[in-house]
Amino acid sequence: MSYLGIYLDQLIEKKRLNSDTELAKFLQISRQHMSRIRKEGSMSDEKCMVLAKELDINPLELFALVRAKKSKTKETREIWMQLHRETKRVKAYILLNSNE
């Protein structure tokens, strides 16, 4: 499973879906496309937006993850992954400090 699969699993749990087939229907894609997303760790910007909105996360977090997977060089991949991690840290910081 790709790292993107973690986000897909979170959506399955949040929406109380029973399978990838139900998730595929929710995302309006085929079951085969869902399998490809899980295997390759890549999805369209539009589906990243849907996933981000449903999980209440910054779309940049998913965009950076997908771009890292598609990167041809290690250097570029590391830059995208750095953006991915920083985006996650910003949300964690906001959540931790929201009760002050």
Protein backbone atom coordinates (compact mmCIF):
# COMPACT_ATOMS: atom_id res chain seq x y z
CA MET A 1 0.00 0.00 0.00
CA SER A 2 1.19 3.50 -0.76
CA TYR A 3 1.44 6.28 1.79
CA LEU A 4 -1.61 7.80 0.11
CA GLY A 5 -3.46 4.67 1.24
CA ILE A 6 -3.32 5.95 4.82
CA TYR A 7 -5.46 8.91 3.81
CA LEU A 8 -7.85 6.65 1.92
CA ASP A 9 -8.19 4.46 5.00
CA GLN A 10 -8.94 7.53 7.11
CA LEU A 11 -11.75 8.47 4.74
CA ILE A 12 -13.14 4.93 4.84
CA GLU A 13 -13.21 5.13 8.62
CA LYS A 14 -14.64 8.65 8.73
CA LYS A 15 -17.44 7.85 6.27
CA ARG A 16 -17.98 4.39 7.77
CA LEU A 17 -17.51 2.70 4.44
CA ASN A 18 -17.03 -1.05 4.30
CA SER A 19 -14.60 -1.43 1.41
CA ASP A 20 -12.54 0.15 -1.33
CA THR A 21 -15.48 -0.52 -3.63
CA GLU A 22 -17.65 1.79 -1.53
CA LEU A 23 -14.84 4.33 -1.37
CA ALA A 24 -14.48 4.22 -5.15
CA LYS A 25 -18.21 4.92 -5.49
CA PHE A 26 -17.92 7.80 -3.02
CA LEU A 27 -15.02 9.28 -5.03
CA GLN A 28 -16.86 8.55 -8.29
CA ILE A 29 -14.10 6.40 -9.74
CA SER A 30 -13.93 2.76 -10.80
CA ARG A 31 -12.77 0.01 -8.45
CA GLN A 32 -9.83 -0.60 -10.79
CA HIS A 33 -8.85 3.06 -10.54
CA MET A 34 -8.99 2.77 -6.73
CA SER A 35 -6.65 -0.22 -6.88
CA ARG A 36 -4.25 1.75 -9.06
CA ILE A 37 -4.31 4.70 -6.63
CA ARG A 38 -3.48 2.39 -3.74
CA LYS A 39 -0.72 0.63 -5.68
CA GLU A 40 0.90 3.65 -7.33
CA GLY A 41 0.20 6.27 -4.66
CA SER A 42 -1.04 8.84 -7.13
CA MET A 43 -4.36 10.50 -7.84
CA SER A 44 -5.66 13.50 -9.76
CA ASP A 45 -5.62 16.99 -8.28
CA GLU A 46 -9.40 16.97 -8.32
CA LYS A 47 -9.63 13.78 -6.25
CA CYS A 48 -6.92 15.10 -3.92
CA MET A 49 -9.15 18.14 -3.35
CA VAL A 50 -12.15 15.93 -2.55
CA LEU A 51 -10.10 13.78 -0.19
CA ALA A 52 -8.59 16.83 1.53
CA LYS A 53 -11.97 18.48 1.97
CA GLU A 54 -13.52 15.33 3.42
CA LEU A 55 -10.60 14.83 5.83
CA ASP A 56 -10.44 18.55 6.66
CA ILE A 57 -6.79 18.86 5.70
CA ASN A 58 -4.86 21.30 3.55
CA PRO A 59 -4.91 20.10 -0.08
CA LEU A 60 -1.21 21.01 -0.30
CA GLU A 61 -0.51 18.08 2.00
CA LEU A 62 -1.86 15.66 -0.61
CA PHE A 63 -0.60 17.57 -3.63
CA ALA A 64 2.94 17.47 -2.23
CA LEU A 65 2.67 13.76 -1.48
CA VAL A 66 1.47 12.94 -5.00
CA ARG A 67 4.11 15.18 -6.60
CA ALA A 68 6.82 13.49 -4.53
CA LYS A 69 5.70 10.11 -5.85
CA LYS A 70 5.85 11.37 -9.44
CA SER A 71 9.24 13.08 -9.07
CA LYS A 72 12.00 11.83 -11.30
CA THR A 73 14.93 12.84 -9.09
CA LYS A 74 15.70 12.21 -5.45
CA GLU A 75 16.31 15.92 -4.86
CA THR A 76 12.89 16.92 -6.20
CA ARG A 77 11.19 14.11 -4.30
CA GLU A 78 12.80 15.28 -1.05
CA ILE A 79 11.62 18.85 -1.60
CA TRP A 80 8.02 17.71 -2.16
CA MET A 81 8.19 15.45 0.91
CA GLN A 82 9.54 18.35 2.96
CA LEU A 83 6.52 20.43 1.91
CA HIS A 84 4.27 17.49 2.78
CA ARG A 85 5.75 17.21 6.28
CA GLU A 86 5.65 20.97 6.87
CA THR A 87 2.00 21.14 5.86
CA LYS A 88 1.19 18.37 8.34
CA ARG A 89 3.17 20.13 11.09
CA VAL A 90 1.29 23.39 10.58
CA LYS A 91 -2.03 21.63 11.12
CA ALA A 92 -0.70 19.80 14.18
CA TYR A 93 0.52 23.11 15.62
CA ILE A 94 -2.85 24.76 15.02
CA LEU A 95 -4.70 21.85 16.64
CA LEU A 96 -2.41 21.80 19.66
CA ASN A 97 -2.74 25.53 20.21
CA SER A 98 -6.44 25.93 19.45
CA ASN A 99 -7.45 25.48 23.09
CA GLU A 100 -5.46 28.46 24.35
